Amino acid sequence: MISRTLPILLMATILSLTANGQARDNSSSQQPFSYQLAPDRVAYPVAFSSPDSAYLTRFREMFGLEGIIAHETTDLGRARALCQWVYFRLEHDGRQTFKSADAFDILHAAQAGQSVQCVEYGLVLATAFNAVGIRARPLYLKAANVQTKASAAGHALAEAWLPDLGKWVMVDAQADIIPMLGPTPLNALELQQALLAHRPDLTVLTSTKARAGSYFRWVKPYLFYFDTVLDNRYGVRKSSAGLMLVPLGARNPTIFQRTARIRNMRYTNSATTFYASPVPMSQLAQSEAVKLQVH
């Protein structure tokens, strides 16, 4: 289960931009998008593996992740270090397709010289986060015209729950970027709202020479629909069910790039539901023992 609390920054941002609570049409790409703040009546079970699970222990030890974050004193610092690690491990080529969603397979292929797409960056980064005890999920961004655009209608990355900040944070390892509003790291919805509000204090945290302005111009069209998976366990047979956050008044997309059907997706207009805090780490073992009741 998930805790139904909404971080103060996210709530304040949405409230300030949607004071009238009006639904927006998909065509109004430069207008603020409205979301429901009340949680959905139906709960969406979310599952994570314990970092002590066999799969994540093997991943952590094989790739020396404890050494990667050893000198970091904050969860944000650990997020930056893992983002940089994935950035330098993989080579991007949007024309390449990769059949496996397993992080071991992706990294072994990369070591052999194979390039990957944004999806693989997000999957590897989410695995790395979970392996060091920071719960994370892959996040898929989709443009407003995702159903009719033939290509380049989406982008993939990861969001991590940073315990010492008590919030979800967007981390894009393909670009080596964590979006920031002043000193505060943002999730994808907060970035969407900050861009639409033209916030002057919007910047990025990066370990490389990534440029904030060019990245924000590039990613902005993808910040309309957000979806993720509900079952984030590793090394087990798991559900393929997903959850998509949809602006009020927008259609629920069922097709990706004209031909690919979006399957097993749950849709919500509630920012509170989509960005609910995960269960405490102490309850992970109990959560893993409960089979997801998602059909």
C-alpha atoms as a PDB file:
ATOM      1  CA  MET A   1       0.000   0.000   0.000  1.00  0.00           C
ATOM      2  CA  ILE A   2       1.006   3.649  -0.303  1.00  0.00           C
ATOM      3  CA  SER A   3       0.822   6.582   2.057  1.00  0.00           C
ATOM      4  CA  ARG A   4      -1.420   9.299   0.690  1.00  0.00           C
ATOM      5  CA  THR A   5       0.559  12.417   1.477  1.00  0.00           C
ATOM      6  CA  LEU A   6       1.554  15.109  -1.010  1.00  0.00           C
ATOM      7  CA  PRO A   7       4.823  17.035  -0.519  1.00  0.00           C
ATOM      8  CA  ILE A   8       4.288  20.701   0.272  1.00  0.00           C
ATOM      9  CA  LEU A   9       6.228  21.954  -2.759  1.00  0.00           C
ATOM     10  CA  LEU A  10       4.180  19.853  -5.177  1.00  0.00           C
ATOM     11  CA  MET A  11       0.849  20.876  -3.615  1.00  0.00           C
ATOM     12  CA  ALA A  12       1.771  24.567  -3.505  1.00  0.00           C
ATOM     13  CA  THR A  13       2.983  24.532  -7.091  1.00  0.00           C
ATOM     14  CA  ILE A  14      -0.174  22.921  -8.437  1.00  0.00           C
ATOM     15  CA  LEU A  15      -2.458  25.134  -6.374  1.00  0.00           C
ATOM     16  CA  SER A  16      -0.692  28.307  -7.494  1.00  0.00           C
ATOM     17  CA  LEU A  17      -1.016  27.359 -11.158  1.00  0.00           C
ATOM     18  CA  THR A  18      -4.534  25.905 -11.116  1.00  0.00           C
ATOM     19  CA  ALA A  19      -6.369  28.218  -8.764  1.00  0.00           C
ATOM     20  CA  ASN A  20      -9.527  28.068 -10.854  1.00  0.00           C
ATOM     21  CA  GLY A  21      -9.483  24.268 -11.046  1.00  0.00           C
ATOM     22  CA  GLN A  22     -10.453  24.394 -14.714  1.00  0.00           C
ATOM     23  CA  ALA A  23      -9.790  21.485 -17.068  1.00  0.00           C
ATOM     24  CA  ARG A  24      -7.399  22.159 -19.916  1.00  0.00           C
ATOM     25  CA  ASP A  25      -7.601  21.032 -23.503  1.00  0.00           C
ATOM     26  CA  ASN A  26      -4.694  19.048 -24.974  1.00  0.00           C
ATOM     27  CA  SER A  27      -4.066  21.791 -27.512  1.00  0.00           C
ATOM     28  CA  SER A  28      -3.298  24.427 -24.869  1.00  0.00           C
ATOM     29  CA  SER A  29       0.296  23.292 -24.504  1.00  0.00           C
ATOM     30  CA  GLN A  30       1.443  26.582 -22.978  1.00  0.00           C
ATOM     31  CA  GLN A  31      -1.301  26.709 -20.331  1.00  0.00           C
ATOM     32  CA  PRO A  32      -1.001  25.273 -16.816  1.00  0.00           C
ATOM     33  CA  PHE A  33      -2.386  21.758 -16.516  1.00  0.00           C
ATOM     34  CA  SER A  34      -4.836  21.007 -13.702  1.00  0.00           C
ATOM     35  CA  TYR A  35      -4.777  17.925 -11.506  1.00  0.00           C
ATOM     36  CA  GLN A  36      -6.948  16.541  -8.767  1.00  0.00           C
ATOM     37  CA  LEU A  37      -5.428  16.968  -5.313  1.00  0.00           C
ATOM     38  CA  ALA A  38      -7.714  14.538  -3.486  1.00  0.00           C
ATOM     39  CA  PRO A  39      -6.509  10.917  -3.584  1.00  0.00           C
ATOM     40  CA  ASP A  40      -8.397   8.358  -5.644  1.00  0.00           C
ATOM     41  CA  ARG A  41     -10.918   6.225  -3.795  1.00  0.00           C
ATOM     42  CA  VAL A  42      -9.337   3.097  -5.277  1.00  0.00           C
ATOM     43  CA  ALA A  43      -5.924   2.164  -3.904  1.00  0.00           C
ATOM     44  CA  TYR A  44      -3.190   1.031  -6.282  1.00  0.00           C
ATOM     45  CA  PRO A  45      -0.909  -1.513  -4.582  1.00  0.00           C
ATOM     46  CA  VAL A  46       2.773  -0.689  -5.085  1.00  0.00           C
ATOM     47  CA  ALA A  47       5.586  -3.163  -4.444  1.00  0.00           C
ATOM     48  CA  PHE A  48       9.344  -2.797  -4.023  1.00  0.00           C
ATOM     49  CA  SER A  49      12.080  -5.314  -3.342  1.00  0.00           C
ATOM     50  CA  SER A  50      14.192  -5.066  -0.211  1.00  0.00           C
ATOM     51  CA  PRO A  51      17.791  -4.041  -0.971  1.00  0.00           C
ATOM     52  CA  ASP A  52      18.742  -7.262   0.833  1.00  0.00           C
ATOM     53  CA  SER A  53      16.976  -9.407  -1.773  1.00  0.00           C
ATOM     54  CA  ALA A  54      19.240 -11.775  -3.688  1.00  0.00           C
ATOM     55  CA  TYR A  55      18.890  -9.901  -6.976  1.00  0.00           C
ATOM     56  CA  LEU A  56      19.622  -6.427  -5.609  1.00  0.00           C
ATOM     57  CA  THR A  57      22.430  -7.674  -3.365  1.00  0.00           C
ATOM     58  CA  ARG A  58      24.122  -9.261  -6.379  1.00  0.00           C
ATOM     59  CA  PHE A  59      23.657  -6.097  -8.432  1.00  0.00           C
ATOM     60  CA  ARG A  60      25.027  -3.863  -5.671  1.00  0.00           C
ATOM     61  CA  GLU A  61      28.068  -6.044  -5.079  1.00  0.00           C
ATOM     62  CA  MET A  62      28.860  -6.828  -8.723  1.00  0.00           C
ATOM     63  CA  PHE A  63      28.991  -3.166  -9.703  1.00  0.00           C
ATOM     64  CA  GLY A  64      30.459  -1.770  -6.476  1.00  0.00           C
ATOM     65  CA  LEU A  65      27.616   0.628  -5.827  1.00  0.00           C
ATOM     66  CA  GLU A  66      28.447   1.142  -2.166  1.00  0.00           C
ATOM     67  CA  GLY A  67      31.773   2.575  -3.268  1.00  0.00           C
ATOM     68  CA  ILE A  68      30.042   4.886  -5.740  1.00  0.00           C
ATOM     69  CA  ILE A  69      28.043   6.572  -2.974  1.00  0.00           C
ATOM     70  CA  ALA A  70      30.470   6.065  -0.073  1.00  0.00           C
ATOM     71  CA  HIS A  71      31.511   9.712   0.234  1.00  0.00           C
ATOM     72  CA  GLU A  72      28.027  11.204  -0.192  1.00  0.00           C
ATOM     73  CA  THR A  73      26.324  12.532   2.953  1.00  0.00           C
ATOM     74  CA  THR A  74      22.837  13.232   1.557  1.00  0.00           C
ATOM     75  CA  ASP A  75      20.310  11.289  -0.489  1.00  0.00           C
ATOM     76  CA  LEU A  76      20.516  13.979  -3.170  1.00  0.00           C
ATOM     77  CA  GLY A  77      24.280  13.491  -3.311  1.00  0.00           C
ATOM     78  CA  ARG A  78      23.771   9.743  -3.653  1.00  0.00           C
ATOM     79  CA  ALA A  79      21.248  10.350  -6.434  1.00  0.00           C
ATOM     80  CA  ARG A  80      23.712  12.579  -8.296  1.00  0.00           C
ATOM     81  CA  ALA A  81      26.492   9.977  -7.921  1.00  0.00           C
ATOM     82  CA  LEU A  82      24.345   7.107  -9.235  1.00  0.00           C
ATOM     83  CA  CYS A  83      23.065   9.259 -12.090  1.00  0.00           C
ATOM     84  CA  GLN A  84      26.641   9.999 -13.137  1.00  0.00           C
ATOM     85  CA  TRP A  85      27.574   6.314 -12.839  1.00  0.00           C
ATOM     86  CA  VAL A  86      24.802   5.246 -15.230  1.00  0.00           C
ATOM     87  CA  TYR A  87      25.525   8.151 -17.585  1.00  0.00           C
ATOM     88  CA  PHE A  88      29.090   6.958 -18.133  1.00  0.00           C
ATOM     89  CA  ARG A  89      28.170   3.254 -18.248  1.00  0.00           C
ATOM     90  CA  LEU A  90      25.792   3.514 -21.205  1.00  0.00           C
ATOM     91  CA  GLU A  91      25.920   4.947 -24.707  1.00  0.00           C
ATOM     92  CA  HIS A  92      22.730   6.375 -26.205  1.00  0.00           C
ATOM     93  CA  ASP A  93      21.327   5.656 -29.653  1.00  0.00           C
ATOM     94  CA  GLY A  94      17.616   6.292 -30.116  1.00  0.00           C
ATOM     95  CA  ARG A  95      17.512   4.026 -33.165  1.00  0.00           C
ATOM     96  CA  GLN A  96      18.568   0.932 -31.218  1.00  0.00           C
ATOM     97  CA  THR A  97      16.065  -1.399 -29.590  1.00  0.00           C
ATOM     98  CA  PHE A  98      16.811  -3.682 -26.673  1.00  0.00           C
ATOM     99  CA  LYS A  99      14.584  -6.640 -25.900  1.00  0.00           C
ATOM    100  CA  SER A 100      15.424  -7.210 -22.233  1.00  0.00           C
ATOM    101  CA  ALA A 101      14.341  -4.978 -19.338  1.00  0.00           C
ATOM    102  CA  ASP A 102      16.868  -6.581 -16.985  1.00  0.00           C
ATOM    103  CA  ALA A 103      19.615  -4.267 -15.734  1.00  0.00           C
ATOM    104  CA  PHE A 104      22.256  -7.028 -15.784  1.00  0.00           C
ATOM    105  CA  ASP A 105      21.492  -7.731 -19.448  1.00  0.00           C
ATOM    106  CA  ILE A 106      21.591  -4.043 -20.333  1.00  0.00           C
ATOM    107  CA  LEU A 107      24.941  -3.431 -18.640  1.00  0.00           C
ATOM    108  CA  HIS A 108      26.516  -6.569 -20.064  1.00  0.00           C
ATOM    109  CA  ALA A 109      25.404  -5.525 -23.557  1.00  0.00           C
ATOM    110  CA  ALA A 110      26.806  -2.038 -22.971  1.00  0.00           C
ATOM    111  CA  GLN A 111      30.137  -3.550 -21.954  1.00  0.00           C
ATOM    112  CA  ALA A 112      30.122  -5.369 -25.292  1.00  0.00           C
ATOM    113  CA  GLY A 113      29.668  -2.064 -27.121  1.00  0.00           C
ATOM    114  CA  GLN A 114      25.917  -2.017 -27.688  1.00  0.00           C
ATOM    115  CA  SER A 115      24.095   1.310 -27.508  1.00  0.00           C
ATOM    116  CA  VAL A 116      20.691   1.682 -25.847  1.00  0.00           C
ATOM    117  CA  GLN A 117      17.692   3.982 -25.713  1.00  0.00           C
ATOM    118  CA  CYS A 118      16.450   6.211 -22.897  1.00  0.00           C
ATOM    119  CA  VAL A 119      14.315   3.357 -21.547  1.00  0.00           C
ATOM    120  CA  GLU A 120      17.401   1.350 -20.613  1.00  0.00           C
ATOM    121  CA  TYR A 121      18.982   4.320 -18.831  1.00  0.00           C
ATOM    122  CA  GLY A 122      15.894   4.599 -16.647  1.00  0.00           C
ATOM    123  CA  LEU A 123      15.738   0.865 -15.914  1.00  0.00           C
ATOM    124  CA  VAL A 124      19.388   0.609 -14.907  1.00  0.00           C
ATOM    125  CA  LEU A 125      19.189   3.728 -12.750  1.00  0.00           C
ATOM    126  CA  ALA A 126      16.042   2.550 -10.962  1.00  0.00           C
ATOM    127  CA  THR A 127      17.734  -0.792 -10.249  1.00  0.00           C
ATOM    128  CA  ALA A 128      20.824   0.945  -8.876  1.00  0.00           C
ATOM    129  CA  PHE A 129      18.728   3.128  -6.580  1.00  0.00           C
ATOM    130  CA  ASN A 130      16.792   0.173  -5.211  1.00  0.00           C
ATOM    131  CA  ALA A 131      20.005  -1.791  -4.735  1.00  0.00           C
ATOM    132  CA  VAL A 132      21.381   0.848  -2.335  1.00  0.00           C
ATOM    133  CA  GLY A 133      18.117   1.190  -0.419  1.00  0.00           C
ATOM    134  CA  ILE A 134      16.634   4.217  -2.211  1.00  0.00           C
ATOM    135  CA  ARG A 135      13.267   3.231  -3.616  1.00  0.00           C
ATOM    136  CA  ALA A 136      12.899   4.195  -7.247  1.00  0.00           C
ATOM    137  CA  ARG A 137      10.679   3.557 -10.236  1.00  0.00           C
ATOM    138  CA  PRO A 138      11.047   3.987 -13.984  1.00  0.00           C
ATOM    139  CA  LEU A 139       9.113   6.996 -15.261  1.00  0.00           C
ATOM    140  CA  TYR A 140       7.809   7.348 -18.802  1.00  0.00           C
ATOM    141  CA  LEU A 141       7.042  10.819 -20.142  1.00  0.00           C
ATOM    142  CA  LYS A 142       4.611  11.168 -23.026  1.00  0.00           C
ATOM    143  CA  ALA A 143       3.710  14.134 -25.214  1.00  0.00           C
ATOM    144  CA  ALA A 144       0.135  15.374 -25.569  1.00  0.00           C
ATOM    145  CA  ASN A 145       0.045  13.963 -29.128  1.00  0.00           C
ATOM    146  CA  VAL A 146       1.458  10.589 -28.096  1.00  0.00           C
ATOM    147  CA  GLN A 147      -1.265   8.708 -29.975  1.00  0.00           C
ATOM    148  CA  THR A 148      -0.824  10.464 -33.319  1.00  0.00           C
ATOM    149  CA  LYS A 149       2.882  11.250 -33.487  1.00  0.00           C
ATOM    150  CA  ALA A 150       4.786   8.616 -35.472  1.00  0.00           C
ATOM    151  CA  SER A 151       8.027   8.783 -33.464  1.00  0.00           C
ATOM    152  CA  ALA A 152       9.797  10.609 -30.618  1.00  0.00           C
ATOM    153  CA  ALA A 153       6.551  10.917 -28.643  1.00  0.00           C
ATOM    154  CA  GLY A 154       8.093  10.040 -25.275  1.00  0.00           C
ATOM    155  CA  HIS A 155      11.119   9.886 -23.036  1.00  0.00           C
ATOM    156  CA  ALA A 156      12.105   7.595 -20.169  1.00  0.00           C
ATOM    157  CA  LEU A 157      14.024   8.192 -16.954  1.00  0.00           C
ATOM    158  CA  ALA A 158      13.643   7.389 -13.249  1.00  0.00           C
ATOM    159  CA  GLU A 159      12.170   8.931 -10.132  1.00  0.00           C
ATOM    160  CA  ALA A 160      13.620   8.193  -6.715  1.00  0.00           C
ATOM    161  CA  TRP A 161      12.107   8.647  -3.277  1.00  0.00           C
ATOM    162  CA  LEU A 162      14.731  10.546  -1.252  1.00  0.00           C
ATOM    163  CA  PRO A 163      14.031   9.825   2.433  1.00  0.00           C
ATOM    164  CA  ASP A 164      15.912  12.787   3.878  1.00  0.00           C
ATOM    165  CA  LEU A 165      13.820  15.150   1.713  1.00  0.00           C
ATOM    166  CA  GLY A 166      10.597  13.134   1.898  1.00  0.00           C
ATOM    167  CA  LYS A 167       9.797  13.517  -1.793  1.00  0.00           C
ATOM    168  CA  TRP A 168      10.019  11.953  -5.231  1.00  0.00           C
ATOM    169  CA  VAL A 169      12.804  13.359  -7.419  1.00  0.00           C
ATOM    170  CA  MET A 170      13.267  13.068 -11.186  1.00  0.00           C
ATOM    171  CA  VAL A 171      16.669  11.784 -12.293  1.00  0.00           C
ATOM    172  CA  ASP A 172      17.589  11.610 -15.989  1.00  0.00           C
ATOM    173  CA  ALA A 173      20.737   9.514 -16.433  1.00  0.00           C
ATOM    174  CA  GLN A 174      20.749   9.879 -20.222  1.00  0.00           C
ATOM    175  CA  ALA A 175      21.349  13.605 -19.765  1.00  0.00           C
ATOM    176  CA  ASP A 176      23.044  13.388 -16.324  1.00  0.00           C
ATOM    177  CA  ILE A 177      20.503  15.845 -14.942  1.00  0.00           C
ATOM    178  CA  ILE A 178      18.403  16.328 -11.813  1.00  0.00           C
ATOM    179  CA  PRO A 179      16.072  19.356 -12.209  1.00  0.00           C
ATOM    180  CA  MET A 180      16.249  21.877  -9.380  1.00  0.00           C
ATOM    181  CA  LEU A 181      14.115  24.808  -8.262  1.00  0.00           C
ATOM    182  CA  GLY A 182      16.585  26.804  -6.224  1.00  0.00           C
ATOM    183  CA  PRO A 183      17.997  24.292  -3.711  1.00  0.00           C
ATOM    184  CA  THR A 184      15.107  21.826  -4.100  1.00  0.00           C
ATOM    185  CA  PRO A 185      15.180  18.857  -6.512  1.00  0.00           C
ATOM    186  CA  LEU A 186      11.966  18.382  -8.486  1.00  0.00           C
ATOM    187  CA  ASN A 187       9.846  15.478  -9.607  1.00  0.00           C
ATOM    188  CA  ALA A 188       8.557  15.420 -13.182  1.00  0.00           C
ATOM    189  CA  LEU A 189       5.225  17.082 -12.396  1.00  0.00           C
ATOM    190  CA  GLU A 190       6.940  19.877 -10.459  1.00  0.00           C
ATOM    191  CA  LEU A 191       9.289  20.406 -13.402  1.00  0.00           C
ATOM    192  CA  GLN A 192       6.320  20.609 -15.771  1.00  0.00           C
ATOM    193  CA  GLN A 193       4.664  23.257 -13.619  1.00  0.00           C
ATOM    194  CA  ALA A 194       7.866  25.230 -13.076  1.00  0.00           C
ATOM    195  CA  LEU A 195       8.544  25.359 -16.818  1.00  0.00           C
ATOM    196  CA  LEU A 196       5.002  26.505 -17.557  1.00  0.00           C
ATOM    197  CA  ALA A 197       5.392  29.211 -14.908  1.00  0.00           C
ATOM    198  CA  HIS A 198       8.750  30.324 -16.392  1.00  0.00           C
ATOM    199  CA  ARG A 199      10.422  30.128 -12.998  1.00  0.00           C
ATOM    200  CA  PRO A 200      13.764  32.011 -13.142  1.00  0.00           C
ATOM    201  CA  ASP A 201      15.309  29.880 -10.380  1.00  0.00           C
ATOM    202  CA  LEU A 202      14.932  26.661 -12.380  1.00  0.00           C
ATOM    203  CA  THR A 203      18.282  24.947 -12.941  1.00  0.00           C
ATOM    204  CA  VAL A 204      19.907  21.506 -12.941  1.00  0.00           C
ATOM    205  CA  LEU A 205      22.218  19.453 -10.761  1.00  0.00           C
ATOM    206  CA  THR A 206      24.780  17.667 -12.932  1.00  0.00           C
ATOM    207  CA  SER A 207      28.262  16.178 -12.725  1.00  0.00           C
ATOM    208  CA  THR A 208      29.023  16.950 -16.348  1.00  0.00           C
ATOM    209  CA  LYS A 209      28.615  19.931 -18.638  1.00  0.00           C
ATOM    210  CA  ALA A 210      24.913  19.384 -19.249  1.00  0.00           C
ATOM    211  CA  ARG A 211      23.160  22.673 -19.975  1.00  0.00           C
ATOM    212  CA  ALA A 212      19.885  23.494 -18.253  1.00  0.00           C
ATOM    213  CA  GLY A 213      18.352  25.647 -20.978  1.00  0.00           C
ATOM    214  CA  SER A 214      18.795  23.239 -23.862  1.00  0.00           C
ATOM    215  CA  TYR A 215      17.638  20.288 -21.739  1.00  0.00           C
ATOM    216  CA  PHE A 216      14.472  22.039 -20.579  1.00  0.00           C
ATOM    217  CA  ARG A 217      13.575  23.089 -24.130  1.00  0.00           C
ATOM    218  CA  TRP A 218      14.049  19.503 -25.287  1.00  0.00           C
ATOM    219  CA  VAL A 219      12.166  17.737 -22.467  1.00  0.00           C
ATOM    220  CA  LYS A 220       9.261  20.173 -22.092  1.00  0.00           C
ATOM    221  CA  PRO A 221       7.045  18.688 -24.870  1.00  0.00           C
ATOM    222  CA  TYR A 222       7.234  15.269 -23.177  1.00  0.00           C
ATOM    223  CA  LEU A 223       5.953  16.559 -19.838  1.00  0.00           C
ATOM    224  CA  PHE A 224       2.247  15.972 -20.407  1.00  0.00           C
ATOM    225  CA  TYR A 225       1.464  12.368 -19.451  1.00  0.00           C
ATOM    226  CA  PHE A 226       3.472  10.524 -16.791  1.00  0.00           C
ATOM    227  CA  ASP A 227       3.321   6.778 -16.207  1.00  0.00           C
ATOM    228  CA  THR A 228       5.161   4.193 -14.164  1.00  0.00           C
ATOM    229  CA  VAL A 229       4.913   0.561 -13.104  1.00  0.00           C
ATOM    230  CA  LEU A 230       3.246  -0.573  -9.883  1.00  0.00           C
ATOM    231  CA  ASP A 231       5.397  -3.651  -9.313  1.00  0.00           C
ATOM    232  CA  ASN A 232       9.017  -2.645  -8.771  1.00  0.00           C
ATOM    233  CA  ARG A 233      10.313  -5.972  -7.483  1.00  0.00           C
ATOM    234  CA  TYR A 234      13.359  -7.727  -8.887  1.00  0.00           C
ATOM    235  CA  GLY A 235      14.206 -11.354  -9.530  1.00  0.00           C
ATOM    236  CA  VAL A 236      10.578 -12.489  -9.299  1.00  0.00           C
ATOM    237  CA  ARG A 237       7.657 -12.883 -11.659  1.00  0.00           C
ATOM    238  CA  LYS A 238       5.779  -9.623 -11.410  1.00  0.00           C
ATOM    239  CA  SER A 239       2.755  -7.735 -12.627  1.00  0.00           C
ATOM    240  CA  SER A 240       3.007  -5.524 -15.719  1.00  0.00           C
ATOM    241  CA  ALA A 241       0.321  -3.114 -14.501  1.00  0.00           C
ATOM    242  CA  GLY A 242       1.054   0.580 -14.767  1.00  0.00           C
ATOM    243  CA  LEU A 243      -0.341   3.865 -13.469  1.00  0.00           C
ATOM    244  CA  MET A 244      -0.602   7.009 -15.613  1.00  0.00           C
ATOM    245  CA  LEU A 245      -1.131  10.570 -14.399  1.00  0.00           C
ATOM    246  CA  VAL A 246      -3.413  12.436 -16.812  1.00  0.00           C
ATOM    247  CA  PRO A 247      -4.286  16.173 -16.667  1.00  0.00           C
ATOM    248  CA  LEU A 248      -7.921  16.974 -16.011  1.00  0.00           C
ATOM    249  CA  GLY A 249      -9.794  17.221 -19.287  1.00  0.00           C
ATOM    250  CA  ALA A 250      -7.215  15.267 -21.291  1.00  0.00           C
ATOM    251  CA  ARG A 251      -7.905  11.924 -22.920  1.00  0.00           C
ATOM    252  CA  ASN A 252      -6.550   8.668 -21.534  1.00  0.00           C
ATOM    253  CA  PRO A 253      -4.115   7.516 -24.249  1.00  0.00           C
ATOM    254  CA  THR A 254      -4.357   3.886 -25.284  1.00  0.00           C
ATOM    255  CA  ILE A 255      -1.977   3.959 -28.265  1.00  0.00           C
ATOM    256  CA  PHE A 256       1.723   4.914 -28.361  1.00  0.00           C
ATOM    257  CA  GLN A 257       3.072   6.423 -31.578  1.00  0.00           C
ATOM    258  CA  ARG A 258       0.119   5.324 -33.761  1.00  0.00           C
ATOM    259  CA  THR A 259       0.632   1.567 -33.575  1.00  0.00           C
ATOM    260  CA  ALA A 260       1.740   0.276 -30.157  1.00  0.00           C
ATOM    261  CA  ARG A 261      -1.120  -0.443 -27.777  1.00  0.00           C
ATOM    262  CA  ILE A 262      -0.741   0.768 -24.177  1.00  0.00           C
ATOM    263  CA  ARG A 263      -1.779  -2.254 -22.138  1.00  0.00           C
ATOM    264  CA  ASN A 264      -2.680  -2.937 -18.515  1.00  0.00           C
ATOM    265  CA  MET A 265      -2.683   0.748 -17.594  1.00  0.00           C
ATOM    266  CA  ARG A 266      -4.587   2.423 -14.759  1.00  0.00           C
ATOM    267  CA  TYR A 267      -5.355   6.127 -15.203  1.00  0.00           C
ATOM    268  CA  THR A 268      -5.580   8.834 -12.548  1.00  0.00           C
ATOM    269  CA  ASN A 269      -6.050  12.597 -12.475  1.00  0.00           C
ATOM    270  CA  SER A 270      -4.810  12.723  -8.884  1.00  0.00           C
ATOM    271  CA  ALA A 271      -1.322  14.108  -8.277  1.00  0.00           C
ATOM    272  CA  THR A 272      -1.651  12.897  -4.696  1.00  0.00           C
ATOM    273  CA  THR A 273      -2.218   9.326  -5.804  1.00  0.00           C
ATOM    274  CA  PHE A 274       0.593   9.327  -8.352  1.00  0.00           C
ATOM    275  CA  TYR A 275       3.105  10.939  -5.994  1.00  0.00           C
ATOM    276  CA  ALA A 276       2.115   9.177  -2.791  1.00  0.00           C
ATOM    277  CA  SER A 277       5.024   8.290  -0.515  1.00  0.00           C
ATOM    278  CA  PRO A 278       6.029   4.608  -0.508  1.00  0.00           C
ATOM    279  CA  VAL A 279       5.699   2.406   2.554  1.00  0.00           C
ATOM    280  CA  PRO A 280       8.525   2.636   5.115  1.00  0.00           C
ATOM    281  CA  MET A 281      11.553   0.475   4.385  1.00  0.00           C
ATOM    282  CA  SER A 282      10.783  -1.630   7.462  1.00  0.00           C
ATOM    283  CA  GLN A 283       7.565  -2.793   5.817  1.00  0.00           C
ATOM    284  CA  LEU A 284       9.140  -3.902   2.545  1.00  0.00           C
ATOM    285  CA  ALA A 285       9.476  -7.528   3.584  1.00  0.00           C
ATOM    286  CA  GLN A 286       5.782  -7.644   4.429  1.00  0.00           C
ATOM    287  CA  SER A 287       4.916  -5.935   1.144  1.00  0.00           C
ATOM    288  CA  GLU A 288       6.918  -8.482  -0.850  1.00  0.00           C
ATOM    289  CA  ALA A 289       5.003 -11.307   0.782  1.00  0.00           C
ATOM    290  CA  VAL A 290       1.668  -9.934  -0.391  1.00  0.00           C
ATOM    291  CA  LYS A 291       0.771 -10.747  -3.984  1.00  0.00           C
ATOM    292  CA  LEU A 292      -0.373  -7.718  -5.950  1.00  0.00           C
ATOM    293  CA  GLN A 293      -4.112  -7.828  -6.495  1.00  0.00           C
ATOM    294  CA  VAL A 294      -3.940  -6.122  -9.877  1.00  0.00           C
ATOM    295  CA  HIS A 295      -5.898  -7.670 -12.738  1.00  0.00           C
END
